[in-house]
Amino acid sequence: MTEDVSESTGGRAVLVTGAARGIGWAVARRFAKAGDRVAILDQVPDEVAEKLVAGLDGGGHLAVKADLTDSKAVLAAVDSAVAQLGGLDVLVNNAGIFIAHPITEVDYATWQELWRSTLGVNLVGAANVTWCAVRHMKERGRGGRIINVSSRGAFRGEPDVPAYGASKAGLNSLTQSLALALAPHRIAVSAVAPGFVATGMTTEWLKPPSGDEIRTQSPFGRVAEPDEIAAAVFYLASAQAEWASGAILDLNGASYLRT
């Protein structure tokens, strides 16, 4: 096997969606700390994006902006990131939305809108970013890694956020389909499936008393920290993880054990 950037430690070109906060920010920091060049894809204001880029270790980092439900904006943002990075070795599809919509408690219009927006970001948006990224990885001919951030909810069910659970189940299926399709191009595709993680998206859910019940779901009596998820993503992006292509790695502190 010939050595390439994706097989080395440091120096890789990495694109992370939803990297302005939470898991995405932890992932961006983990790659930057290893000497990789990171592109943050998010919708934050320019001044916030500049601060985020400046807060990463090393250099060569940048930020691009796109609404993941806008396919043209996604194409432009990915192309811009790749041009500025000088290529692309790793894509992390982390961006996602998580908005409660219990089927018995929302009106029909709200139900339809939240299904459209959730699938638009979490599944179709990720698929579009991936298509744009694969085009560059394939043309470059150096292989690559794609890691999707899924969820325990894809397996356990999400009664209060069913569109979220469905979108993550779809993302798992996409992961495995593309693992088969892209292996001939030396592009490995895998996913991590966290349970609850202490991020801004889950702040309200983790407040007492609901948060106390959520923490007891794990025998460790807590929820994950973003850096724990980032460590797994970083491994799946490594040269040693090619054989993990198609895998969906559970990261839920034994709060849900699937067979």
Protein backbone atom coordinates (compact mmCIF):
# COMPACT_ATOMS: atom_id res chain seq x y z
CA MET A 1 0.00 0.00 0.00
CA THR A 2 1.41 3.38 -0.98
CA GLU A 3 1.65 6.00 1.74
CA ASP A 4 -0.58 9.03 1.45
CA VAL A 5 -1.70 11.93 3.59
CA SER A 6 -4.68 10.01 4.94
CA GLU A 7 -2.32 7.38 6.32
CA SER A 8 -0.04 9.75 8.19
CA THR A 9 -0.34 11.39 11.58
CA GLY A 10 -0.89 15.09 11.09
CA GLY A 11 -0.98 17.06 7.89
CA ARG A 12 -4.39 15.82 6.73
CA ALA A 13 -7.09 18.05 5.29
CA VAL A 14 -10.24 17.62 7.38
CA LEU A 15 -13.77 18.99 6.93
CA VAL A 16 -16.13 18.92 9.94
CA THR A 17 -19.77 19.97 9.67
CA GLY A 18 -21.52 21.56 12.63
CA ALA A 19 -18.11 22.24 14.15
CA ALA A 20 -18.90 25.52 15.92
CA ARG A 21 -19.97 23.80 19.13
CA GLY A 22 -20.44 20.55 20.99
CA ILE A 23 -19.19 17.33 19.44
CA GLY A 24 -18.17 19.06 16.21
CA TRP A 25 -15.96 21.56 18.03
CA ALA A 26 -14.35 18.77 20.07
CA VAL A 27 -13.68 16.86 16.83
CA ALA A 28 -12.16 19.93 15.16
CA ARG A 29 -9.90 20.55 18.16
CA ARG A 30 -8.79 16.89 18.23
CA PHE A 31 -7.66 16.92 14.62
CA ALA A 32 -6.02 20.33 14.92
CA LYS A 33 -4.08 19.17 17.99
CA ALA A 34 -2.68 16.32 15.88
CA GLY A 35 -1.36 18.76 13.30
CA ASP A 36 -4.17 18.42 10.77
CA ARG A 37 -5.70 21.33 8.85
CA VAL A 38 -9.37 21.75 9.67
CA ALA A 39 -12.23 23.38 7.81
CA ILE A 40 -15.26 24.21 9.96
CA LEU A 41 -18.57 24.13 8.09
CA ASP A 42 -21.29 25.89 10.08
CA GLN A 43 -23.69 28.83 9.94
CA VAL A 44 -22.21 31.05 12.65
CA PRO A 45 -21.51 34.76 11.99
CA ASP A 46 -18.16 35.58 10.43
CA GLU A 47 -16.73 37.07 13.62
CA VAL A 48 -17.59 33.91 15.56
CA ALA A 49 -16.07 31.74 12.83
CA GLU A 50 -12.86 33.77 12.97
CA LYS A 51 -12.59 33.23 16.72
CA LEU A 52 -13.17 29.51 16.32
CA VAL A 53 -10.45 29.19 13.69
CA ALA A 54 -8.07 31.23 15.84
CA GLY A 55 -8.83 28.93 18.79
CA LEU A 56 -7.54 25.81 17.03
CA ASP A 57 -3.99 24.58 17.56
CA GLY A 58 -1.64 24.87 14.61
CA GLY A 59 -2.37 26.67 11.36
CA GLY A 60 -4.02 26.36 7.99
CA HIS A 61 -7.54 26.21 9.43
CA LEU A 62 -10.58 27.93 7.95
CA ALA A 63 -14.34 28.25 8.15
CA VAL A 64 -17.01 28.04 5.45
CA LYS A 65 -20.72 28.70 5.74
CA ALA A 66 -23.72 26.84 4.37
CA ASP A 67 -27.28 25.89 5.22
CA LEU A 68 -27.20 22.11 4.80
CA THR A 69 -30.74 22.16 3.41
CA ASP A 70 -29.49 24.32 0.50
CA SER A 71 -27.82 21.93 -1.95
CA LYS A 72 -26.18 24.71 -3.99
CA ALA A 73 -24.73 26.33 -0.88
CA VAL A 74 -23.38 22.94 0.25
CA LEU A 75 -21.62 22.41 -3.07
CA ALA A 76 -20.08 25.88 -2.97
CA ALA A 77 -18.96 25.52 0.66
CA VAL A 78 -17.33 22.11 0.17
CA ASP A 79 -15.58 23.23 -3.02
CA SER A 80 -14.31 26.35 -1.24
CA ALA A 81 -13.06 24.36 1.76
CA VAL A 82 -11.25 21.85 -0.44
CA ALA A 83 -9.65 24.58 -2.52
CA GLN A 84 -8.36 26.37 0.57
CA LEU A 85 -7.19 23.17 2.27
CA GLY A 86 -5.47 21.95 -0.87
CA GLY A 87 -7.43 18.68 -0.95
CA LEU A 88 -9.54 16.57 1.36
CA ASP A 89 -8.61 13.48 3.36
CA VAL A 90 -11.28 13.28 6.06
CA LEU A 91 -14.95 14.27 6.22
CA VAL A 92 -16.87 14.24 9.49
CA ASN A 93 -20.63 14.62 9.08
CA ASN A 94 -21.55 15.90 12.53
CA ALA A 95 -24.15 18.64 11.92
CA GLY A 96 -27.60 17.79 13.19
CA ILE A 97 -30.76 19.18 14.74
CA PHE A 98 -32.77 17.70 17.62
CA ILE A 99 -36.18 19.32 18.20
CA ALA A 100 -38.96 17.69 20.22
CA HIS A 101 -42.17 16.86 18.32
CA PRO A 102 -44.17 14.10 20.08
CA ILE A 103 -46.74 12.85 17.60
CA THR A 104 -49.66 13.35 20.01
CA GLU A 105 -48.62 16.87 21.04
CA VAL A 106 -47.88 18.82 17.85
CA ASP A 107 -50.17 20.01 15.09
CA TYR A 108 -49.96 18.63 11.57
CA ALA A 109 -48.15 21.63 10.10
CA THR A 110 -45.48 21.52 12.83
CA TRP A 111 -45.12 17.77 12.36
CA GLN A 112 -44.49 18.16 8.63
CA GLU A 113 -42.07 21.06 9.03
CA LEU A 114 -39.95 19.32 11.65
CA TRP A 115 -39.73 16.17 9.56
CA ARG A 116 -38.60 18.24 6.55
CA SER A 117 -36.03 20.24 8.47
CA THR A 118 -34.65 17.33 10.49
CA LEU A 119 -34.22 15.00 7.53
CA GLY A 120 -32.98 17.93 5.46
CA VAL A 121 -30.07 18.56 7.81
CA ASN A 122 -29.36 15.21 9.45
CA LEU A 123 -29.72 12.91 6.46
CA VAL A 124 -30.08 14.65 3.10
CA GLY A 125 -27.64 17.38 4.13
CA ALA A 126 -25.07 14.80 5.18
CA ALA A 127 -25.63 12.88 1.94
CA ASN A 128 -25.07 16.03 -0.12
CA VAL A 129 -21.91 17.02 1.76
CA THR A 130 -20.66 13.49 1.24
CA TRP A 131 -21.33 13.53 -2.51
CA CYS A 132 -19.42 16.81 -2.83
CA ALA A 133 -16.53 15.51 -0.74
CA VAL A 134 -16.28 12.14 -2.49
CA ARG A 135 -15.89 13.84 -5.84
CA HIS A 136 -12.69 15.47 -4.59
CA MET A 137 -11.39 12.38 -2.78
CA LYS A 138 -11.97 10.20 -5.85
CA GLU A 139 -10.31 12.63 -8.25
CA ARG A 140 -7.30 12.94 -5.97
CA GLY A 141 -6.87 9.17 -5.84
CA ARG A 142 -5.39 9.05 -2.34
CA GLY A 143 -8.26 7.42 -0.50
CA GLY A 144 -9.92 9.00 2.49
CA ARG A 145 -12.13 8.63 5.51
CA ILE A 146 -15.76 9.58 6.08
CA ILE A 147 -17.15 9.39 9.61
CA ASN A 148 -20.84 10.04 10.28
CA VAL A 149 -22.11 11.06 13.71
CA SER A 150 -25.23 8.97 14.24
CA SER A 151 -27.06 8.28 17.52
CA ARG A 152 -28.18 5.63 19.96
CA GLY A 153 -31.66 6.78 19.03
CA ALA A 154 -31.37 5.06 15.66
CA PHE A 155 -31.59 1.74 17.53
CA ARG A 156 -33.34 2.58 20.79
CA GLY A 157 -36.05 4.78 19.32
CA GLU A 158 -36.83 8.46 19.99
CA PRO A 159 -40.50 8.82 21.03
CA ASP A 160 -40.24 12.57 21.58
CA VAL A 161 -38.07 13.27 18.50
CA PRO A 162 -39.04 10.58 15.99
CA ALA A 163 -37.68 12.42 12.95
CA TYR A 164 -34.29 12.57 14.65
CA GLY A 165 -34.28 8.82 15.30
CA ALA A 166 -35.37 8.11 11.73
CA SER A 167 -32.74 10.44 10.29
CA LYS A 168 -29.99 8.71 12.24
CA ALA A 169 -31.21 5.26 11.21
CA GLY A 170 -31.06 6.49 7.64
CA LEU A 171 -27.56 7.83 8.24
CA ASN A 172 -26.47 4.39 9.46
CA SER A 173 -27.84 2.81 6.30
CA LEU A 174 -26.09 5.44 4.19
CA THR A 175 -22.85 4.71 6.05
CA GLN A 176 -22.99 1.02 5.20
CA SER A 177 -24.10 1.55 1.61
CA LEU A 178 -21.24 3.94 0.95
CA ALA A 179 -18.74 1.70 2.73
CA LEU A 180 -19.48 -0.83 -0.01
CA ALA A 181 -19.57 1.69 -2.84
CA LEU A 182 -16.38 3.56 -1.94
CA ALA A 183 -14.02 0.79 -0.82
CA PRO A 184 -12.65 0.37 -4.37
CA HIS A 185 -11.49 3.99 -4.11
CA ARG A 186 -9.82 3.34 -0.71
CA ILE A 187 -12.39 5.54 1.01
CA ALA A 188 -13.49 4.00 4.31
CA VAL A 189 -16.89 5.03 5.69
CA SER A 190 -17.95 4.45 9.30
CA ALA A 191 -20.10 5.98 12.02
CA VAL A 192 -20.24 6.63 15.74
CA ALA A 193 -23.56 6.33 17.59
CA PRO A 194 -23.45 8.30 20.85
CA GLY A 195 -26.05 8.32 23.56
CA PHE A 196 -26.64 11.59 25.40
CA VAL A 197 -23.63 13.92 25.31
CA ALA A 198 -23.18 17.03 27.46
CA THR A 199 -23.54 19.69 24.76
CA GLY A 200 -25.61 22.81 24.21
CA MET A 201 -28.13 20.77 22.21
CA THR A 202 -28.95 18.61 25.23
CA THR A 203 -28.78 21.23 28.00
CA GLU A 204 -32.53 21.39 28.56
CA TRP A 205 -32.91 17.61 28.46
CA LEU A 206 -30.18 17.12 31.05
CA LYS A 207 -31.70 19.46 33.62
CA PRO A 208 -33.39 17.82 36.65
CA PRO A 209 -35.52 15.85 36.91
CA SER A 210 -35.29 14.45 33.36
CA GLY A 211 -31.50 14.71 33.38
CA ASP A 212 -31.27 12.58 36.50
CA GLU A 213 -33.21 9.80 34.80
CA ILE A 214 -31.10 10.07 31.67
CA ARG A 215 -27.87 9.71 33.67
CA THR A 216 -29.13 6.59 35.40
CA GLN A 217 -29.59 4.92 32.01
CA SER A 218 -25.85 4.26 32.03
CA PRO A 219 -24.26 2.12 34.78
CA PHE A 220 -21.59 4.83 34.93
CA GLY A 221 -24.27 7.26 36.13
CA ARG A 222 -23.40 10.01 33.69
CA VAL A 223 -23.56 11.10 30.06
CA ALA A 224 -20.66 11.40 27.62
CA GLU A 225 -18.33 14.35 27.21
CA PRO A 226 -17.72 15.67 23.67
CA ASP A 227 -14.03 14.80 23.82
CA GLU A 228 -14.90 11.13 24.30
CA ILE A 229 -16.81 11.12 21.03
CA ALA A 230 -14.04 13.06 19.30
CA ALA A 231 -11.48 10.43 20.34
CA ALA A 232 -13.48 7.70 18.60
CA VAL A 233 -13.95 9.81 15.48
CA PHE A 234 -10.22 10.47 15.39
CA TYR A 235 -9.47 6.75 15.54
CA LEU A 236 -11.91 5.97 12.73
CA ALA A 237 -10.12 8.56 10.59
CA SER A 238 -6.76 6.86 11.10
CA ALA A 239 -4.90 4.58 8.71
CA GLN A 240 -5.35 1.71 11.17
CA ALA A 241 -9.15 1.96 10.94
CA GLU A 242 -9.63 1.09 7.29
CA TRP A 243 -10.97 -2.34 8.31
CA ALA A 244 -13.64 -0.60 10.42
CA SER A 245 -15.31 0.62 7.23
CA GLY A 246 -19.03 -0.09 7.48
CA ALA A 247 -18.91 -0.22 11.29
CA ILE A 248 -21.26 1.74 13.55
CA LEU A 249 -19.50 2.24 16.89
CA ASP A 250 -21.79 2.49 19.92
CA LEU A 251 -20.69 5.20 22.36
CA ASN A 252 -23.40 5.19 24.98
CA GLY A 253 -21.80 4.02 28.23
CA ALA A 254 -23.72 0.73 28.14
CA SER A 255 -26.99 2.67 28.39
CA TYR A 256 -28.34 0.65 25.47
CA LEU A 257 -26.97 -2.74 24.38
CA ARG A 258 -28.09 -3.88 20.95
CA THR A 259 -27.70 -7.38 19.57
